[in-house]
Amino acid sequence: MRSMHTLTRADLAEAINRKVGLSRSESLGMVEAILDHMGNALEKGENVKISGFGTFLLRDKAQRIGRNPKTGVEVPITPRRVLTFRASQMLKDRIAKG
């Protein structure tokens, strides 16, 4: 059965606190700094790769025609940039064992 727990920023900070020995506020600051750095890179259009974990990829989607499933009316879908995540093979293997 799948666990319903969600890993949060506080959980990450707590793990850093236990393993590295930084204070709770320093640990939370480190988590915030890492997430901020990743967010800034993505905002600039850069992909983010974390070896052994996965890659956050930006994709530009062109305009296309969609269909309202309720009425069947065709509707233009505007072009947009989307964020996707591709897990590394190591992470996929860990999840499959798990």
C-alpha atoms as a PDB file:
ATOM      1  CA  MET A   1       0.000   0.000   0.000  1.00  0.00           C
ATOM      2  CA  ARG A   2       1.244   3.482  -0.848  1.00  0.00           C
ATOM      3  CA  SER A   3       2.229   5.867   1.915  1.00  0.00           C
ATOM      4  CA  MET A   4       0.190   9.040   2.140  1.00  0.00           C
ATOM      5  CA  HIS A   5       3.011  11.084   3.728  1.00  0.00           C
ATOM      6  CA  THR A   6       4.339  14.064   1.780  1.00  0.00           C
ATOM      7  CA  LEU A   7       7.952  15.147   2.178  1.00  0.00           C
ATOM      8  CA  THR A   8       8.031  18.851   3.057  1.00  0.00           C
ATOM      9  CA  ARG A   9      10.641  21.600   3.333  1.00  0.00           C
ATOM     10  CA  ALA A  10      10.556  21.144   7.090  1.00  0.00           C
ATOM     11  CA  ASP A  11      11.291  17.408   6.675  1.00  0.00           C
ATOM     12  CA  LEU A  12      14.285  18.194   4.475  1.00  0.00           C
ATOM     13  CA  ALA A  13      15.545  20.774   6.961  1.00  0.00           C
ATOM     14  CA  GLU A  14      15.136  18.267   9.801  1.00  0.00           C
ATOM     15  CA  ALA A  15      17.155  15.668   7.870  1.00  0.00           C
ATOM     16  CA  ILE A  16      19.952  18.209   7.306  1.00  0.00           C
ATOM     17  CA  ASN A  17      19.798  19.142  10.986  1.00  0.00           C
ATOM     18  CA  ARG A  18      20.237  15.506  12.052  1.00  0.00           C
ATOM     19  CA  LYS A  19      22.888  14.484   9.505  1.00  0.00           C
ATOM     20  CA  VAL A  20      25.015  17.635   9.260  1.00  0.00           C
ATOM     21  CA  GLY A  21      24.423  19.142  12.662  1.00  0.00           C
ATOM     22  CA  LEU A  22      23.379  22.609  11.517  1.00  0.00           C
ATOM     23  CA  SER A  23      20.779  24.420  13.591  1.00  0.00           C
ATOM     24  CA  ARG A  24      17.149  24.127  12.519  1.00  0.00           C
ATOM     25  CA  SER A  25      17.098  27.681  11.170  1.00  0.00           C
ATOM     26  CA  GLU A  26      20.376  27.170   9.262  1.00  0.00           C
ATOM     27  CA  SER A  27      19.059  23.898   7.855  1.00  0.00           C
ATOM     28  CA  LEU A  28      15.817  25.533   6.735  1.00  0.00           C
ATOM     29  CA  GLY A  29      17.828  28.402   5.228  1.00  0.00           C
ATOM     30  CA  MET A  30      19.910  25.895   3.266  1.00  0.00           C
ATOM     31  CA  VAL A  31      16.788  24.162   1.908  1.00  0.00           C
ATOM     32  CA  GLU A  32      15.285  27.538   0.963  1.00  0.00           C
ATOM     33  CA  ALA A  33      18.538  28.609  -0.748  1.00  0.00           C
ATOM     34  CA  ILE A  34      18.698  25.412  -2.808  1.00  0.00           C
ATOM     35  CA  LEU A  35      15.051  25.641  -3.878  1.00  0.00           C
ATOM     36  CA  ASP A  36      15.461  29.343  -4.658  1.00  0.00           C
ATOM     37  CA  HIS A  37      18.538  28.638  -6.785  1.00  0.00           C
ATOM     38  CA  MET A  38      16.688  25.897  -8.684  1.00  0.00           C
ATOM     39  CA  GLY A  39      13.660  28.160  -9.197  1.00  0.00           C
ATOM     40  CA  ASN A  40      15.839  30.999 -10.503  1.00  0.00           C
ATOM     41  CA  ALA A  41      17.572  28.674 -12.970  1.00  0.00           C
ATOM     42  CA  LEU A  42      14.225  27.387 -14.259  1.00  0.00           C
ATOM     43  CA  GLU A  43      12.885  30.946 -14.497  1.00  0.00           C
ATOM     44  CA  LYS A  44      15.885  31.827 -16.710  1.00  0.00           C
ATOM     45  CA  GLY A  45      15.056  28.905 -18.995  1.00  0.00           C
ATOM     46  CA  GLU A  46      17.729  26.514 -17.733  1.00  0.00           C
ATOM     47  CA  ASN A  47      17.069  22.842 -17.020  1.00  0.00           C
ATOM     48  CA  VAL A  48      18.042  21.511 -13.585  1.00  0.00           C
ATOM     49  CA  LYS A  49      19.799  18.140 -13.352  1.00  0.00           C
ATOM     50  CA  ILE A  50      20.463  16.446 -10.031  1.00  0.00           C
ATOM     51  CA  SER A  51      22.680  13.432 -10.645  1.00  0.00           C
ATOM     52  CA  GLY A  52      21.198  10.180  -9.366  1.00  0.00           C
ATOM     53  CA  PHE A  53      17.806  11.848  -8.832  1.00  0.00           C
ATOM     54  CA  GLY A  54      16.482  13.317 -12.071  1.00  0.00           C
ATOM     55  CA  THR A  55      16.113  16.308 -14.352  1.00  0.00           C
ATOM     56  CA  PHE A  56      13.622  19.157 -14.289  1.00  0.00           C
ATOM     57  CA  LEU A  57      13.032  20.049 -17.942  1.00  0.00           C
ATOM     58  CA  LEU A  58      11.329  23.061 -19.504  1.00  0.00           C
ATOM     59  CA  ARG A  59       9.304  22.433 -22.642  1.00  0.00           C
ATOM     60  CA  ASP A  60       7.724  25.014 -24.900  1.00  0.00           C
ATOM     61  CA  LYS A  61       4.367  23.850 -26.194  1.00  0.00           C
ATOM     62  CA  ALA A  62       3.065  25.361 -29.405  1.00  0.00           C
ATOM     63  CA  GLN A  63      -0.462  26.629 -29.888  1.00  0.00           C
ATOM     64  CA  ARG A  64      -2.886  23.864 -30.772  1.00  0.00           C
ATOM     65  CA  ILE A  65      -6.562  23.201 -31.125  1.00  0.00           C
ATOM     66  CA  GLY A  66      -8.267  21.412 -28.252  1.00  0.00           C
ATOM     67  CA  ARG A  67     -11.819  20.297 -27.783  1.00  0.00           C
ATOM     68  CA  ASN A  68     -14.211  20.989 -24.936  1.00  0.00           C
ATOM     69  CA  PRO A  69     -15.130  17.437 -23.851  1.00  0.00           C
ATOM     70  CA  LYS A  70     -18.583  18.493 -22.676  1.00  0.00           C
ATOM     71  CA  THR A  71     -19.730  20.417 -25.765  1.00  0.00           C
ATOM     72  CA  GLY A  72     -17.329  19.203 -28.452  1.00  0.00           C
ATOM     73  CA  VAL A  73     -16.525  22.799 -29.445  1.00  0.00           C
ATOM     74  CA  GLU A  74     -12.980  23.363 -30.726  1.00  0.00           C
ATOM     75  CA  VAL A  75     -10.963  25.800 -28.619  1.00  0.00           C
ATOM     76  CA  PRO A  76      -7.479  27.193 -29.280  1.00  0.00           C
ATOM     77  CA  ILE A  77      -4.966  26.319 -26.549  1.00  0.00           C
ATOM     78  CA  THR A  78      -2.398  29.087 -26.153  1.00  0.00           C
ATOM     79  CA  PRO A  79       1.339  28.411 -26.414  1.00  0.00           C
ATOM     80  CA  ARG A  80       2.991  27.955 -23.044  1.00  0.00           C
ATOM     81  CA  ARG A  81       6.056  26.726 -21.214  1.00  0.00           C
ATOM     82  CA  VAL A  82       5.647  23.686 -18.984  1.00  0.00           C
ATOM     83  CA  LEU A  83       7.882  22.064 -16.397  1.00  0.00           C
ATOM     84  CA  THR A  84       8.379  18.314 -16.480  1.00  0.00           C
ATOM     85  CA  PHE A  85      10.432  15.951 -14.353  1.00  0.00           C
ATOM     86  CA  ARG A  86      12.312  12.949 -15.683  1.00  0.00           C
ATOM     87  CA  ALA A  87      13.570  10.578 -12.992  1.00  0.00           C
ATOM     88  CA  SER A  88      17.076   9.149 -13.297  1.00  0.00           C
ATOM     89  CA  GLN A  89      17.509   5.430 -13.841  1.00  0.00           C
ATOM     90  CA  MET A  90      18.937   5.115 -10.318  1.00  0.00           C
ATOM     91  CA  LEU A  91      15.784   6.653  -8.833  1.00  0.00           C
ATOM     92  CA  LYS A  92      13.539   4.487 -11.016  1.00  0.00           C
ATOM     93  CA  ASP A  93      15.400   1.388  -9.830  1.00  0.00           C
ATOM     94  CA  ARG A  94      15.070   2.415  -6.154  1.00  0.00           C
ATOM     95  CA  ILE A  95      11.335   3.002  -6.547  1.00  0.00           C
ATOM     96  CA  ALA A  96      10.839  -0.307  -8.348  1.00  0.00           C
ATOM     97  CA  LYS A  97      12.530  -2.200  -5.477  1.00  0.00           C
ATOM     98  CA  GLY A  98      10.533  -0.412  -2.942  1.00  0.00           C
END
